[in-house]
N, C-alpha and C. Protein backbone atom coordinates (compact mmCIF):
# COMPACT_ATOMS: atom_id res chain seq x y z
N MET A 1 122.35 113.18 116.53
CA MET A 1 121.30 113.45 117.48
C MET A 1 121.07 112.20 118.31
N SER A 2 120.94 112.37 119.60
CA SER A 2 120.74 111.22 120.48
C SER A 2 119.32 110.67 120.31
N GLU A 3 119.19 109.40 120.67
CA GLU A 3 117.89 108.75 120.55
C GLU A 3 116.86 109.42 121.47
N ARG A 4 117.28 109.80 122.66
CA ARG A 4 116.36 110.45 123.59
C ARG A 4 115.88 111.79 123.04
N ARG A 5 116.80 112.56 122.46
CA ARG A 5 116.43 113.86 121.91
C ARG A 5 115.49 113.69 120.71
N ARG A 6 115.78 112.72 119.86
CA ARG A 6 114.92 112.47 118.70
C ARG A 6 113.53 112.02 119.13
N ARG A 7 113.48 111.14 120.12
CA ARG A 7 112.18 110.66 120.59
C ARG A 7 111.40 111.74 121.32
N SER A 8 112.07 112.60 122.06
CA SER A 8 111.35 113.69 122.71
C SER A 8 110.84 114.69 121.68
N GLY A 9 111.61 114.90 120.61
CA GLY A 9 111.14 115.75 119.52
C GLY A 9 109.92 115.17 118.83
N ALA A 10 109.94 113.86 118.61
CA ALA A 10 108.78 113.20 118.01
C ALA A 10 107.56 113.30 118.92
N SER A 11 107.77 113.17 120.21
CA SER A 11 106.65 113.31 121.15
C SER A 11 106.10 114.73 121.14
N GLY A 12 106.99 115.69 121.07
CA GLY A 12 106.54 117.09 121.00
C GLY A 12 105.75 117.38 119.74
N LEU A 13 106.23 116.87 118.62
CA LEU A 13 105.50 117.05 117.36
C LEU A 13 104.16 116.31 117.37
N ALA A 14 104.13 115.17 118.06
CA ALA A 14 102.88 114.40 118.16
C ALA A 14 101.85 115.15 119.01
N VAL A 15 102.30 116.00 119.91
CA VAL A 15 101.38 116.84 120.68
C VAL A 15 100.92 118.02 119.83
N LEU A 16 101.82 118.57 119.04
CA LEU A 16 101.50 119.73 118.22
C LEU A 16 100.57 119.39 117.05
N ALA A 17 100.73 118.22 116.46
CA ALA A 17 99.97 117.86 115.26
C ALA A 17 98.44 117.91 115.47
N PRO A 18 97.88 117.29 116.52
CA PRO A 18 96.42 117.37 116.67
C PRO A 18 95.94 118.76 117.07
N VAL A 19 96.82 119.53 117.74
CA VAL A 19 96.44 120.91 118.07
C VAL A 19 96.30 121.72 116.78
N LEU A 20 97.16 121.47 115.81
CA LEU A 20 97.03 122.15 114.52
C LEU A 20 95.73 121.76 113.82
N VAL A 21 95.36 120.49 113.90
CA VAL A 21 94.07 120.05 113.33
C VAL A 21 92.94 120.77 114.04
N TRP A 22 93.02 120.88 115.36
CA TRP A 22 91.99 121.58 116.13
C TRP A 22 91.92 123.05 115.72
N LEU A 23 93.09 123.68 115.53
CA LEU A 23 93.11 125.09 115.13
C LEU A 23 92.41 125.31 113.80
N VAL A 24 92.61 124.39 112.87
CA VAL A 24 91.95 124.52 111.57
C VAL A 24 90.45 124.28 111.71
N ALA A 25 90.07 123.27 112.44
CA ALA A 25 88.65 122.91 112.55
C ALA A 25 87.85 123.91 113.37
N ASP A 26 88.36 124.30 114.53
CA ASP A 26 87.57 125.11 115.45
C ASP A 26 87.68 126.61 115.15
N PRO A 27 88.80 127.24 115.43
CA PRO A 27 88.82 128.69 115.21
C PRO A 27 88.81 129.12 113.73
N VAL A 28 89.53 128.40 112.87
CA VAL A 28 89.64 128.85 111.47
C VAL A 28 88.35 128.57 110.70
N LEU A 29 87.92 127.31 110.72
CA LEU A 29 86.70 126.96 109.98
C LEU A 29 85.42 127.26 110.76
N GLY A 30 85.55 127.50 112.05
CA GLY A 30 84.39 127.86 112.85
C GLY A 30 83.51 126.71 113.27
N HIS A 31 84.00 125.50 113.19
CA HIS A 31 83.20 124.34 113.60
C HIS A 31 83.55 123.98 115.04
N ARG A 32 82.61 124.19 115.95
CA ARG A 32 82.83 123.85 117.36
C ARG A 32 82.85 122.34 117.52
N LEU A 33 83.93 121.83 118.10
CA LEU A 33 84.04 120.39 118.33
C LEU A 33 83.34 120.07 119.64
N ARG A 34 82.23 119.35 119.54
CA ARG A 34 81.39 119.04 120.70
C ARG A 34 80.96 117.59 120.67
N ILE A 35 80.89 117.04 121.88
CA ILE A 35 80.32 115.71 122.06
C ILE A 35 79.19 115.86 123.06
N ILE A 36 78.02 115.36 122.70
CA ILE A 36 76.86 115.45 123.58
C ILE A 36 76.59 114.05 124.12
N ASP A 37 76.63 113.94 125.44
CA ASP A 37 76.40 112.65 126.10
C ASP A 37 75.25 112.84 127.09
N GLY A 38 74.07 112.40 126.68
CA GLY A 38 72.89 112.60 127.53
C GLY A 38 72.58 114.09 127.61
N GLY A 39 72.61 114.61 128.81
CA GLY A 39 72.34 116.03 129.01
C GLY A 39 73.61 116.86 129.08
N GLN A 40 74.76 116.22 129.01
CA GLN A 40 76.03 116.95 129.13
C GLN A 40 76.64 117.20 127.76
N THR A 41 77.24 118.36 127.63
CA THR A 41 77.95 118.70 126.40
C THR A 41 79.41 118.91 126.73
N LEU A 42 80.27 118.24 125.98
CA LEU A 42 81.71 118.37 126.17
C LEU A 42 82.28 119.13 124.99
N ASP A 43 82.76 120.35 125.25
CA ASP A 43 83.46 121.12 124.22
C ASP A 43 84.91 120.69 124.22
N ILE A 44 85.42 120.36 123.05
CA ILE A 44 86.80 119.88 122.93
C ILE A 44 87.67 121.08 122.58
N GLY A 45 88.58 121.42 123.50
CA GLY A 45 89.47 122.56 123.31
C GLY A 45 90.90 122.12 123.05
N ALA A 46 91.76 123.10 122.85
CA ALA A 46 93.16 122.82 122.52
C ALA A 46 93.91 122.17 123.69
N VAL A 47 93.61 122.56 124.91
CA VAL A 47 94.34 122.01 126.06
C VAL A 47 94.04 120.52 126.25
N PRO A 48 92.77 120.09 126.25
CA PRO A 48 92.53 118.65 126.34
C PRO A 48 93.10 117.87 125.16
N VAL A 49 93.09 118.45 123.96
CA VAL A 49 93.67 117.78 122.80
C VAL A 49 95.16 117.56 123.03
N ALA A 50 95.85 118.61 123.47
CA ALA A 50 97.30 118.50 123.73
C ALA A 50 97.58 117.53 124.87
N ALA A 51 96.75 117.55 125.91
CA ALA A 51 96.98 116.66 127.06
C ALA A 51 96.82 115.19 126.67
N VAL A 52 95.80 114.89 125.90
CA VAL A 52 95.58 113.49 125.48
C VAL A 52 96.71 113.05 124.54
N ALA A 53 97.13 113.92 123.65
CA ALA A 53 98.24 113.58 122.74
C ALA A 53 99.53 113.37 123.52
N LEU A 54 99.77 114.19 124.54
CA LEU A 54 100.96 114.02 125.38
C LEU A 54 100.91 112.70 126.13
N LEU A 55 99.75 112.35 126.65
CA LEU A 55 99.59 111.08 127.35
C LEU A 55 99.86 109.91 126.40
N ALA A 56 99.33 109.98 125.18
CA ALA A 56 99.57 108.92 124.20
C ALA A 56 101.05 108.84 123.83
N SER A 57 101.68 109.99 123.64
CA SER A 57 103.10 110.02 123.28
C SER A 57 103.98 109.40 124.36
N LEU A 58 103.76 109.83 125.58
CA LEU A 58 104.58 109.31 126.68
C LEU A 58 104.31 107.83 126.94
N SER A 59 103.07 107.42 126.78
CA SER A 59 102.74 105.99 126.95
C SER A 59 103.43 105.15 125.88
N GLY A 60 103.38 105.62 124.65
CA GLY A 60 104.03 104.90 123.56
C GLY A 60 105.53 104.83 123.75
N TRP A 61 106.13 105.94 124.13
CA TRP A 61 107.57 105.99 124.36
C TRP A 61 107.95 105.07 125.51
N GLY A 62 107.17 105.10 126.57
CA GLY A 62 107.43 104.24 127.72
C GLY A 62 107.34 102.76 127.38
N LEU A 63 106.34 102.39 126.60
CA LEU A 63 106.21 100.98 126.21
C LEU A 63 107.39 100.56 125.33
N LEU A 64 107.77 101.39 124.37
CA LEU A 64 108.90 101.04 123.51
C LEU A 64 110.19 100.93 124.32
N ALA A 65 110.41 101.86 125.24
CA ALA A 65 111.61 101.80 126.08
C ALA A 65 111.62 100.55 126.94
N ALA A 66 110.46 100.17 127.47
CA ALA A 66 110.39 98.96 128.29
C ALA A 66 110.67 97.71 127.45
N LEU A 67 110.11 97.65 126.26
CA LEU A 67 110.36 96.50 125.38
C LEU A 67 111.85 96.40 125.04
N GLU A 68 112.47 97.53 124.74
CA GLU A 68 113.89 97.52 124.42
C GLU A 68 114.74 97.18 125.65
N ARG A 69 114.37 97.72 126.77
CA ARG A 69 115.13 97.53 128.01
C ARG A 69 115.13 96.07 128.45
N PHE A 70 113.99 95.41 128.32
CA PHE A 70 113.89 94.04 128.78
C PHE A 70 114.24 93.03 127.69
N GLY A 71 114.83 93.52 126.62
CA GLY A 71 115.40 92.64 125.61
C GLY A 71 114.41 91.87 124.77
N VAL A 72 113.23 92.41 124.56
CA VAL A 72 112.26 91.73 123.72
C VAL A 72 112.81 91.70 122.30
N ARG A 73 112.83 90.51 121.73
CA ARG A 73 113.31 90.39 120.34
C ARG A 73 112.39 91.18 119.43
N ARG A 74 112.99 91.90 118.53
CA ARG A 74 112.25 92.71 117.57
C ARG A 74 111.29 93.66 118.28
N ALA A 75 111.80 94.36 119.28
CA ALA A 75 110.98 95.26 120.10
C ALA A 75 110.26 96.30 119.25
N ARG A 76 110.93 96.83 118.26
CA ARG A 76 110.31 97.87 117.42
C ARG A 76 109.15 97.31 116.60
N VAL A 77 109.28 96.07 116.13
CA VAL A 77 108.20 95.45 115.36
C VAL A 77 107.01 95.19 116.29
N VAL A 78 107.27 94.67 117.47
CA VAL A 78 106.20 94.43 118.43
C VAL A 78 105.51 95.74 118.78
N TRP A 79 106.32 96.77 119.06
CA TRP A 79 105.77 98.07 119.43
C TRP A 79 104.92 98.64 118.30
N THR A 80 105.38 98.51 117.07
CA THR A 80 104.62 99.04 115.94
C THR A 80 103.27 98.34 115.82
N GLY A 81 103.25 97.04 116.02
CA GLY A 81 101.98 96.31 116.01
C GLY A 81 101.03 96.79 117.08
N VAL A 82 101.55 97.00 118.28
CA VAL A 82 100.72 97.52 119.38
C VAL A 82 100.23 98.92 119.04
N ALA A 83 101.10 99.77 118.49
CA ALA A 83 100.72 101.15 118.17
C ALA A 83 99.62 101.18 117.11
N VAL A 84 99.72 100.34 116.11
CA VAL A 84 98.69 100.30 115.07
C VAL A 84 97.37 99.77 115.65
N ALA A 85 97.45 98.77 116.52
CA ALA A 85 96.24 98.25 117.16
C ALA A 85 95.57 99.32 118.02
N VAL A 86 96.37 100.09 118.76
CA VAL A 86 95.81 101.18 119.58
C VAL A 86 95.17 102.24 118.68
N LEU A 87 95.80 102.55 117.56
CA LEU A 87 95.21 103.51 116.63
C LEU A 87 93.86 103.02 116.13
N VAL A 88 93.80 101.78 115.72
CA VAL A 88 92.53 101.23 115.22
C VAL A 88 91.46 101.28 116.31
N MET A 89 91.83 100.89 117.53
CA MET A 89 90.85 100.90 118.63
C MET A 89 90.44 102.33 119.00
N SER A 90 91.29 103.31 118.74
CA SER A 90 90.94 104.69 119.09
C SER A 90 89.81 105.22 118.22
N PHE A 91 89.54 104.57 117.10
CA PHE A 91 88.43 105.00 116.25
C PHE A 91 87.08 104.46 116.72
N LEU A 92 87.07 103.46 117.59
CA LEU A 92 85.80 102.87 118.04
C LEU A 92 84.86 103.89 118.68
N PRO A 93 85.32 104.77 119.57
CA PRO A 93 84.38 105.75 120.14
C PRO A 93 83.80 106.70 119.10
N LEU A 94 84.46 106.85 117.97
CA LEU A 94 83.95 107.76 116.94
C LEU A 94 82.76 107.19 116.19
N THR A 95 82.47 105.90 116.40
CA THR A 95 81.33 105.28 115.73
C THR A 95 80.03 105.51 116.48
N GLY A 96 80.13 106.00 117.71
CA GLY A 96 78.92 106.19 118.53
C GLY A 96 78.18 107.46 118.19
N ASP A 97 77.08 107.66 118.91
CA ASP A 97 76.27 108.87 118.73
C ASP A 97 76.84 110.00 119.59
N GLY A 98 76.26 111.17 119.41
CA GLY A 98 76.62 112.29 120.25
C GLY A 98 77.53 113.31 119.59
N MET A 99 77.90 113.07 118.34
CA MET A 99 78.73 114.07 117.65
C MET A 99 78.32 114.14 116.20
N ASP A 100 78.52 115.31 115.63
CA ASP A 100 78.18 115.47 114.22
C ASP A 100 79.34 115.01 113.34
N GLY A 101 79.13 115.01 112.06
CA GLY A 101 80.13 114.53 111.11
C GLY A 101 81.41 115.34 111.13
N GLY A 102 81.31 116.65 111.31
CA GLY A 102 82.51 117.49 111.34
C GLY A 102 83.38 117.20 112.54
N THR A 103 82.75 117.00 113.69
CA THR A 103 83.50 116.65 114.90
C THR A 103 84.14 115.27 114.74
N ARG A 104 83.38 114.35 114.20
CA ARG A 104 83.89 112.99 113.97
C ARG A 104 85.11 113.02 113.04
N ALA A 105 85.02 113.79 111.96
CA ALA A 105 86.13 113.88 111.01
C ALA A 105 87.35 114.55 111.64
N ALA A 106 87.13 115.62 112.39
CA ALA A 106 88.25 116.32 113.03
C ALA A 106 88.94 115.42 114.05
N LEU A 107 88.17 114.68 114.84
CA LEU A 107 88.77 113.78 115.82
C LEU A 107 89.54 112.64 115.13
N ALA A 108 88.98 112.12 114.04
CA ALA A 108 89.69 111.07 113.30
C ALA A 108 91.01 111.60 112.74
N LEU A 109 90.99 112.83 112.22
CA LEU A 109 92.22 113.43 111.71
C LEU A 109 93.24 113.67 112.83
N MET A 110 92.76 114.01 114.02
CA MET A 110 93.66 114.18 115.15
C MET A 110 94.34 112.87 115.52
N HIS A 111 93.57 111.79 115.55
CA HIS A 111 94.13 110.47 115.85
C HIS A 111 95.18 110.09 114.81
N LEU A 112 94.84 110.32 113.54
CA LEU A 112 95.79 109.99 112.47
C LEU A 112 97.03 110.88 112.52
N ALA A 113 96.86 112.14 112.89
CA ALA A 113 98.01 113.06 112.97
C ALA A 113 98.99 112.62 114.05
N VAL A 114 98.46 112.21 115.21
CA VAL A 114 99.34 111.73 116.28
C VAL A 114 100.07 110.48 115.82
N ALA A 115 99.35 109.54 115.24
CA ALA A 115 99.97 108.28 114.79
C ALA A 115 100.98 108.53 113.68
N ALA A 116 100.68 109.43 112.76
CA ALA A 116 101.57 109.69 111.63
C ALA A 116 102.91 110.26 112.08
N VAL A 117 102.91 110.98 113.19
CA VAL A 117 104.16 111.53 113.72
C VAL A 117 104.82 110.55 114.68
N LEU A 118 104.01 109.98 115.55
CA LEU A 118 104.56 109.18 116.65
C LEU A 118 105.11 107.83 116.20
N ILE A 119 104.42 107.12 115.35
CA ILE A 119 104.87 105.77 114.98
C ILE A 119 106.22 105.80 114.27
N PRO A 120 106.39 106.58 113.21
CA PRO A 120 107.73 106.60 112.61
C PRO A 120 108.75 107.33 113.48
N GLY A 121 108.31 108.33 114.23
CA GLY A 121 109.24 109.11 115.05
C GLY A 121 109.85 108.34 116.20
N LEU A 122 109.06 107.49 116.85
CA LEU A 122 109.60 106.70 117.96
C LEU A 122 110.24 105.42 117.46
N ARG A 123 109.77 104.88 116.37
CA ARG A 123 110.23 103.58 115.90
C ARG A 123 111.62 103.65 115.28
N THR A 124 111.90 104.68 114.52
CA THR A 124 113.15 104.78 113.77
C THR A 124 114.33 104.93 114.69
N LYS A 125 115.37 104.15 114.41
CA LYS A 125 116.61 104.27 115.15
C LYS A 125 117.40 105.43 114.59
N ASP A 126 118.26 105.99 115.41
CA ASP A 126 119.17 107.04 114.97
C ASP A 126 120.02 106.49 113.83
N ALA A 127 120.17 107.24 112.75
CA ALA A 127 120.88 106.75 111.57
C ALA A 127 122.32 106.37 111.90
N ALA A 128 122.99 107.14 112.73
CA ALA A 128 124.37 106.82 113.09
C ALA A 128 124.45 105.54 113.92
N ALA A 129 123.48 105.35 114.80
CA ALA A 129 123.49 104.16 115.65
C ALA A 129 123.05 102.92 114.87
N ALA A 130 122.17 103.12 113.89
CA ALA A 130 121.64 101.98 113.14
C ALA A 130 122.58 101.51 112.04
N ALA A 131 123.45 102.40 111.58
CA ALA A 131 124.33 102.04 110.48
C ALA A 131 125.43 101.10 110.97
N PRO A 132 125.76 100.11 110.15
CA PRO A 132 126.87 99.23 110.55
C PRO A 132 128.18 100.02 110.49
N PRO A 133 129.16 99.60 111.26
CA PRO A 133 130.42 100.35 111.25
C PRO A 133 131.05 100.29 109.86
N ALA A 134 131.75 101.36 109.52
CA ALA A 134 132.40 101.43 108.22
C ALA A 134 133.52 100.40 108.15
N PRO A 135 133.72 99.78 107.00
CA PRO A 135 134.80 98.81 106.90
C PRO A 135 136.15 99.50 107.06
N SER A 136 137.05 98.80 107.64
CA SER A 136 138.37 99.36 107.90
C SER A 136 139.18 99.39 106.61
N THR A 137 139.94 100.47 106.41
CA THR A 137 140.79 100.57 105.23
C THR A 137 142.23 100.18 105.57
N TRP A 138 142.47 99.86 106.81
CA TRP A 138 143.82 99.49 107.25
C TRP A 138 144.10 98.05 106.88
N ARG A 139 145.28 97.80 106.30
CA ARG A 139 145.71 96.45 105.96
C ARG A 139 147.08 96.25 106.58
N PRO A 140 147.35 95.07 107.07
CA PRO A 140 148.70 94.86 107.60
C PRO A 140 149.71 94.87 106.46
N GLY A 141 150.91 95.34 106.78
CA GLY A 141 151.99 95.39 105.79
C GLY A 141 152.53 94.01 105.48
N PRO A 142 153.50 93.94 104.56
CA PRO A 142 154.04 92.65 104.16
C PRO A 142 154.71 91.92 105.31
N ASP A 143 155.22 92.64 106.27
CA ASP A 143 155.87 91.99 107.40
C ASP A 143 154.90 91.73 108.54
N GLY A 144 153.58 92.02 108.33
CA GLY A 144 152.57 91.79 109.36
C GLY A 144 152.48 92.94 110.34
N GLY A 145 153.27 93.99 110.14
CA GLY A 145 153.30 95.12 111.07
C GLY A 145 152.43 96.25 110.61
N GLY A 146 153.07 97.35 110.24
CA GLY A 146 152.37 98.59 109.90
C GLY A 146 151.55 98.47 108.62
N PRO A 147 150.95 99.58 108.24
CA PRO A 147 150.10 99.54 107.07
C PRO A 147 150.90 99.30 105.80
N ALA A 148 150.25 98.65 104.86
CA ALA A 148 150.91 98.38 103.58
C ALA A 148 150.96 99.66 102.77
N ARG A 149 152.02 99.82 102.03
CA ARG A 149 152.12 100.99 101.16
C ARG A 149 151.50 100.64 99.82
N ALA A 150 150.77 101.61 99.31
CA ALA A 150 150.13 101.39 98.02
C ALA A 150 151.20 101.46 96.94
N SER A 151 151.16 100.56 96.02
CA SER A 151 152.10 100.55 94.90
C SER A 151 151.63 101.53 93.85
N ARG A 152 152.55 102.29 93.31
CA ARG A 152 152.19 103.27 92.28
C ARG A 152 152.76 102.86 90.93
N GLY A 153 152.86 101.61 90.71
CA GLY A 153 153.31 101.13 89.43
C GLY A 153 154.84 101.03 89.33
N ARG A 154 155.51 101.45 90.36
CA ARG A 154 156.99 101.36 90.35
C ARG A 154 157.38 100.15 91.17
N GLY A 155 158.27 99.37 90.69
CA GLY A 155 158.69 98.14 91.28
C GLY A 155 159.45 98.28 92.49
């Protein structure tokens, strides 16, 4: 599987993961996800959840691609540090007022779901590309030319 295909799959799953959390919290359990800010009420639906997750996925992928493209040493390690820092900072708005405990928990689970899919999904190299080449089994023959013949115990 190509790296682009794997990373696009990880981005797609990172969009789907918080939508699944929303499906469990809102329609299944019946808890309306709402944030009240002053006189305004923001109902959190599946489309905004998917849109924000898509934005985070594409931003993360773009940053990792840029780090790799411009030859940053240990680009994946740097990117992982940035991704974890962004995850931690994404919890800061959840400490404020305007939402109940159920909404706060559902949003925290959505953030964790995106990170749980996106960080390992974008960070991991393709197994075939990451593996060192297999050692060669070819040996030069006694005359330095073709392959050596294996001896079968006969002189």
